[in-house]
Amino acid sequence: MSQYPIANESTEDTLETADTLPDAVRLAEDSAKRGAVGDLVSILDSDGKSVGQFVLLPDGTVQEQPIAPARKPVDVSRS
């Protein structure tokens, strides 16, 4: 079973799968190059969490995007 699915975040399609993280990075970069400008291509772990994101820029280059940490919900009931 492949460890790292590569997914287009806009279409939610699984594009490729990889057994190793270095292979997943290469496949994600290649998939981003073939996609639409601005679409995020993510590498997912076995829990479905993104471990890497890449985007095609208007100049044709692919850039890795930082992944924001999950935020804790704010308790507004203590106002």
Protein backbone atom coordinates (compact mmCIF):
# COMPACT_ATOMS: atom_id res chain seq x y z
CA MET A 1 0.00 0.00 0.00
CA SER A 2 1.30 3.44 -0.92
CA GLN A 3 2.03 5.70 1.99
CA TYR A 4 1.66 9.13 0.36
CA PRO A 5 -1.29 10.02 -1.89
CA ILE A 6 -0.85 13.16 -4.01
CA ALA A 7 -4.08 15.17 -4.29
CA ASN A 8 -5.31 18.28 -6.07
CA GLU A 9 -6.97 20.36 -3.34
CA SER A 10 -9.25 22.18 -5.81
CA THR A 11 -10.74 19.08 -7.40
CA GLU A 12 -10.10 16.72 -4.46
CA ASP A 13 -8.78 14.17 -6.97
CA THR A 14 -6.01 11.76 -6.05
CA LEU A 15 -3.44 12.22 -8.81
CA GLU A 16 -0.64 9.82 -7.88
CA THR A 17 0.63 7.77 -4.96
CA ALA A 18 4.16 7.23 -3.68
CA ASP A 19 5.84 4.84 -1.27
CA THR A 20 8.48 7.31 -0.03
CA LEU A 21 8.39 10.99 0.85
CA PRO A 22 11.13 11.96 -1.65
CA ASP A 23 9.14 10.25 -4.43
CA ALA A 24 5.99 11.99 -3.22
CA VAL A 25 7.69 15.40 -3.41
CA ARG A 26 8.86 14.73 -6.97
CA LEU A 27 5.40 13.54 -8.04
CA ALA A 28 3.66 16.48 -6.35
CA GLU A 29 5.95 18.99 -8.08
CA ASP A 30 5.35 17.28 -11.44
CA SER A 31 1.59 17.21 -10.83
CA ALA A 32 1.57 20.92 -9.92
CA LYS A 33 3.42 21.72 -13.18
CA ARG A 34 0.67 19.96 -15.15
CA GLY A 35 -2.16 21.62 -13.22
CA ALA A 36 -3.76 25.05 -13.23
CA VAL A 37 -2.01 28.12 -11.87
CA GLY A 38 -2.89 28.56 -8.19
CA ASP A 39 -4.19 25.03 -7.56
CA LEU A 40 -2.65 23.45 -4.47
CA VAL A 41 -1.26 19.95 -4.87
CA SER A 42 -0.84 18.23 -1.51
CA ILE A 43 1.06 15.23 -0.22
CA LEU A 44 -1.08 13.43 2.32
CA ASP A 45 -0.02 11.08 5.09
CA SER A 46 -1.84 7.91 6.15
CA ASP A 47 -4.21 9.99 8.33
CA GLY A 48 -5.14 12.24 5.40
CA LYS A 49 -3.21 15.22 6.78
CA SER A 50 -1.17 17.34 4.42
CA VAL A 51 2.59 16.98 4.87
CA GLY A 52 3.53 19.11 1.86
CA GLN A 53 1.84 21.50 -0.56
CA PHE A 54 2.96 22.80 -3.93
CA VAL A 55 1.47 25.40 -6.26
CA LEU A 56 2.08 26.40 -9.87
CA LEU A 57 2.88 30.12 -10.12
CA PRO A 58 1.95 32.33 -13.12
CA ASP A 59 5.60 32.36 -14.27
CA GLY A 60 5.54 28.56 -14.67
CA THR A 61 7.57 27.72 -11.59
CA VAL A 62 6.38 25.48 -8.77
CA GLN A 63 6.72 26.68 -5.19
CA GLU A 64 6.29 24.76 -1.96
CA GLN A 65 3.71 26.37 0.30
CA PRO A 66 3.93 26.48 4.09
CA ILE A 67 1.32 24.44 5.91
CA ALA A 68 -0.48 26.40 8.60
CA PRO A 69 -0.84 24.59 11.93
CA ALA A 70 -4.34 23.58 12.94
CA ARG A 71 -5.97 26.22 15.08
CA LYS A 72 -7.77 25.51 18.31
CA PRO A 73 -11.38 26.67 18.41
CA VAL A 74 -11.94 29.91 20.28
CA ASP A 75 -14.37 29.70 23.22
CA VAL A 76 -16.53 32.80 22.84
CA SER A 77 -18.94 31.82 25.63
CA ARG A 78 -16.70 33.38 28.30
CA SER A 79 -17.33 36.98 27.22
